[in-house]
């Protein structure tokens, strides 16, 4: 709904995790993104960035990781 309201619903697939329990926050100015596991389970998921890039992350329950968008991705 937020993407639609902002008029950019065509970009919904960017900077989201395949697993809904994981939030993604992208900070293009510093070339990094954060992935946060909001569940009490260990989660392994793919994060989809821009231009077809993706990263696989493995997060413990409640885990947070920062990833550089300039590092090689999966």
N, C-alpha and C. Protein backbone atom coordinates (compact mmCIF):
# COMPACT_ATOMS: atom_id res chain seq x y z
N UNK A 1 0.82 -1.19 0.00
CA UNK A 1 0.00 0.00 0.00
C UNK A 1 0.87 1.26 0.00
N UNK A 2 1.97 1.24 0.75
CA UNK A 2 2.83 2.43 0.81
C UNK A 2 3.46 2.73 -0.53
N UNK A 3 3.90 1.70 -1.24
CA UNK A 3 4.49 1.92 -2.56
C UNK A 3 3.45 2.51 -3.51
N UNK A 4 2.24 1.99 -3.45
CA UNK A 4 1.16 2.51 -4.30
C UNK A 4 0.88 3.97 -3.96
N UNK A 5 0.78 4.28 -2.67
CA UNK A 5 0.48 5.64 -2.25
C UNK A 5 1.57 6.62 -2.67
N UNK A 6 2.81 6.14 -2.73
CA UNK A 6 3.92 6.99 -3.15
C UNK A 6 4.06 7.06 -4.66
N UNK A 7 3.25 6.28 -5.37
CA UNK A 7 3.30 6.28 -6.83
C UNK A 7 4.47 5.51 -7.41
N UNK A 8 5.06 4.61 -6.62
CA UNK A 8 6.21 3.83 -7.09
C UNK A 8 5.96 2.33 -6.92
N UNK A 9 4.71 1.90 -7.08
CA UNK A 9 4.39 0.48 -6.88
C UNK A 9 5.11 -0.42 -7.87
N UNK A 10 5.62 0.12 -8.98
CA UNK A 10 6.39 -0.69 -9.92
C UNK A 10 7.76 -1.07 -9.35
N UNK A 11 8.19 -0.42 -8.27
CA UNK A 11 9.49 -0.71 -7.65
C UNK A 11 9.34 -1.53 -6.37
N UNK A 12 8.19 -2.14 -6.14
CA UNK A 12 7.97 -2.87 -4.88
C UNK A 12 9.01 -3.95 -4.64
N UNK A 13 9.49 -4.63 -5.65
CA UNK A 13 10.42 -5.74 -5.45
C UNK A 13 11.81 -5.34 -5.02
N UNK A 14 12.10 -4.04 -4.94
CA UNK A 14 13.43 -3.59 -4.55
C UNK A 14 13.53 -3.43 -3.04
N UNK A 15 14.63 -3.91 -2.49
CA UNK A 15 14.95 -3.78 -1.08
C UNK A 15 13.90 -4.39 -0.16
N UNK A 16 13.50 -5.61 -0.50
CA UNK A 16 12.60 -6.40 0.33
C UNK A 16 13.16 -7.80 0.48
N UNK A 17 12.77 -8.46 1.55
CA UNK A 17 13.16 -9.85 1.79
C UNK A 17 12.07 -10.78 1.29
N UNK A 18 12.48 -11.95 0.85
CA UNK A 18 11.49 -12.95 0.44
C UNK A 18 10.68 -13.44 1.63
N UNK A 19 11.26 -13.42 2.82
CA UNK A 19 10.58 -13.84 4.04
C UNK A 19 10.01 -12.60 4.74
N UNK A 20 8.71 -12.57 4.94
CA UNK A 20 8.05 -11.38 5.51
C UNK A 20 8.47 -11.09 6.95
N UNK A 21 9.13 -12.02 7.60
CA UNK A 21 9.58 -11.78 8.97
C UNK A 21 10.82 -10.91 9.03
N UNK A 22 11.41 -10.62 7.88
CA UNK A 22 12.64 -9.83 7.83
C UNK A 22 12.36 -8.47 7.20
N UNK A 23 12.74 -7.41 7.93
CA UNK A 23 12.63 -6.04 7.43
C UNK A 23 13.94 -5.64 6.80
N UNK A 24 13.86 -4.81 5.77
CA UNK A 24 15.05 -4.30 5.10
C UNK A 24 14.99 -2.78 5.08
N UNK A 25 16.09 -2.14 5.45
CA UNK A 25 16.19 -0.68 5.38
C UNK A 25 17.42 -0.35 4.55
N UNK A 26 17.21 0.30 3.40
CA UNK A 26 18.29 0.62 2.47
C UNK A 26 18.73 2.07 2.66
N UNK A 27 20.05 2.27 2.74
CA UNK A 27 20.63 3.60 2.90
C UNK A 27 21.57 3.85 1.73
N UNK A 28 21.04 4.32 0.59
CA UNK A 28 21.86 4.47 -0.60
C UNK A 28 23.00 5.47 -0.45
N UNK A 29 22.84 6.45 0.41
CA UNK A 29 23.89 7.45 0.60
C UNK A 29 25.17 6.90 1.17
N UNK A 30 25.07 5.79 1.89
CA UNK A 30 26.27 5.16 2.47
C UNK A 30 26.54 3.79 1.87
N UNK A 31 25.71 3.37 0.91
CA UNK A 31 25.94 2.10 0.23
C UNK A 31 25.78 0.88 1.12
N UNK A 32 24.78 0.92 2.00
CA UNK A 32 24.55 -0.20 2.91
C UNK A 32 23.05 -0.43 3.10
N UNK A 33 22.73 -1.64 3.59
CA UNK A 33 21.35 -1.90 4.02
C UNK A 33 21.39 -2.74 5.28
N UNK A 34 20.33 -2.62 6.06
CA UNK A 34 20.18 -3.40 7.28
C UNK A 34 19.07 -4.43 7.05
N UNK A 35 19.28 -5.63 7.59
CA UNK A 35 18.26 -6.67 7.57
C UNK A 35 17.99 -7.07 9.01
N UNK A 36 16.73 -7.03 9.42
CA UNK A 36 16.32 -7.31 10.79
C UNK A 36 15.32 -8.45 10.82
N UNK A 37 15.64 -9.48 11.59
CA UNK A 37 14.73 -10.62 11.77
C UNK A 37 13.77 -10.29 12.91
N UNK A 38 12.51 -10.12 12.60
CA UNK A 38 11.50 -9.78 13.61
C UNK A 38 10.88 -11.00 14.27
N UNK A 39 11.42 -12.18 14.03
CA UNK A 39 10.81 -13.39 14.57
C UNK A 39 11.66 -14.01 15.67
N UNK A 40 11.11 -15.03 16.30
CA UNK A 40 11.84 -15.79 17.32
C UNK A 40 12.46 -17.05 16.71
N UNK A 41 12.48 -17.12 15.39
CA UNK A 41 13.07 -18.25 14.67
C UNK A 41 14.30 -17.79 13.91
N UNK A 42 15.23 -18.71 13.68
CA UNK A 42 16.34 -18.44 12.77
C UNK A 42 15.75 -18.36 11.37
N UNK A 43 16.20 -17.37 10.60
CA UNK A 43 15.65 -17.16 9.26
C UNK A 43 16.79 -17.03 8.25
N UNK A 44 16.66 -17.74 7.16
CA UNK A 44 17.54 -17.58 6.01
C UNK A 44 16.66 -17.10 4.86
N UNK A 45 17.02 -15.97 4.27
CA UNK A 45 16.18 -15.39 3.22
C UNK A 45 17.01 -14.64 2.21
N UNK A 46 16.40 -14.39 1.09
CA UNK A 46 17.04 -13.60 0.03
C UNK A 46 16.53 -12.17 0.13
N UNK A 47 17.46 -11.22 0.03
CA UNK A 47 17.13 -9.80 -0.02
C UNK A 47 17.30 -9.37 -1.48
N UNK A 48 16.26 -8.77 -2.02
CA UNK A 48 16.31 -8.30 -3.41
C UNK A 48 16.55 -6.80 -3.42
N UNK A 49 17.64 -6.41 -4.08
CA UNK A 49 17.98 -5.00 -4.22
C UNK A 49 17.55 -4.47 -5.57
N UNK A 50 18.19 -3.41 -5.99
CA UNK A 50 17.90 -2.81 -7.29
C UNK A 50 18.67 -3.53 -8.38
N UNK A 51 18.23 -3.37 -9.60
CA UNK A 51 18.93 -3.88 -10.78
C UNK A 51 19.19 -5.38 -10.74
N UNK A 52 18.29 -6.14 -10.11
CA UNK A 52 18.42 -7.59 -10.09
C UNK A 52 19.42 -8.15 -9.10
N UNK A 53 20.01 -7.30 -8.28
CA UNK A 53 20.95 -7.78 -7.27
C UNK A 53 20.20 -8.51 -6.18
N UNK A 54 20.88 -9.48 -5.54
CA UNK A 54 20.28 -10.14 -4.38
C UNK A 54 21.38 -10.65 -3.47
N UNK A 55 21.04 -10.77 -2.20
CA UNK A 55 21.93 -11.27 -1.17
C UNK A 55 21.17 -12.28 -0.35
N UNK A 56 21.83 -13.33 0.09
CA UNK A 56 21.22 -14.29 1.00
C UNK A 56 21.76 -14.01 2.40
N UNK A 57 20.86 -13.87 3.35
CA UNK A 57 21.26 -13.62 4.73
C UNK A 57 20.71 -14.71 5.63
N UNK A 58 21.46 -15.03 6.66
CA UNK A 58 21.06 -15.99 7.69
C UNK A 58 21.07 -15.24 9.00
N UNK A 59 19.90 -15.08 9.60
CA UNK A 59 19.77 -14.27 10.81
C UNK A 59 19.27 -15.09 11.98
N UNK A 60 19.88 -14.93 13.15
CA UNK A 60 19.36 -15.59 14.35
C UNK A 60 18.07 -14.90 14.79
N UNK A 61 17.34 -15.48 15.72
CA UNK A 61 16.13 -14.82 16.22
C UNK A 61 16.43 -13.40 16.69
N UNK A 62 15.68 -12.44 16.21
CA UNK A 62 15.90 -11.04 16.58
C UNK A 62 17.17 -10.43 16.03
N UNK A 63 17.85 -11.13 15.13
CA UNK A 63 19.14 -10.69 14.63
C UNK A 63 19.08 -9.54 13.65
N UNK A 64 20.16 -8.77 13.64
CA UNK A 64 20.31 -7.63 12.75
C UNK A 64 21.68 -7.71 12.10
N UNK A 65 21.74 -7.44 10.80
CA UNK A 65 23.02 -7.38 10.12
C UNK A 65 23.03 -6.20 9.16
N UNK A 66 24.22 -5.65 8.96
CA UNK A 66 24.43 -4.58 7.99
C UNK A 66 25.24 -5.16 6.85
N UNK A 67 24.85 -4.85 5.61
CA UNK A 67 25.53 -5.39 4.44
C UNK A 67 25.83 -4.24 3.49
N UNK A 68 27.06 -4.24 2.97
CA UNK A 68 27.46 -3.24 1.99
C UNK A 68 26.91 -3.62 0.63
N UNK A 69 26.34 -2.67 -0.07
CA UNK A 69 25.83 -2.94 -1.41
C UNK A 69 26.95 -2.97 -2.44
N UNK A 70 28.16 -2.63 -2.02
CA UNK A 70 29.30 -2.67 -2.94
C UNK A 70 30.06 -3.99 -2.84
N UNK A 71 29.73 -4.82 -1.85
CA UNK A 71 30.36 -6.14 -1.73
C UNK A 71 29.73 -7.09 -2.73
N UNK A 72 30.49 -8.12 -3.14
CA UNK A 72 29.89 -9.12 -4.05
C UNK A 72 28.64 -9.72 -3.42
N UNK A 73 27.64 -9.94 -4.24
CA UNK A 73 26.39 -10.52 -3.74
C UNK A 73 26.23 -11.93 -4.26
N UNK A 74 25.18 -12.61 -3.80
CA UNK A 74 24.95 -14.00 -4.19
C UNK A 74 24.16 -14.08 -5.47
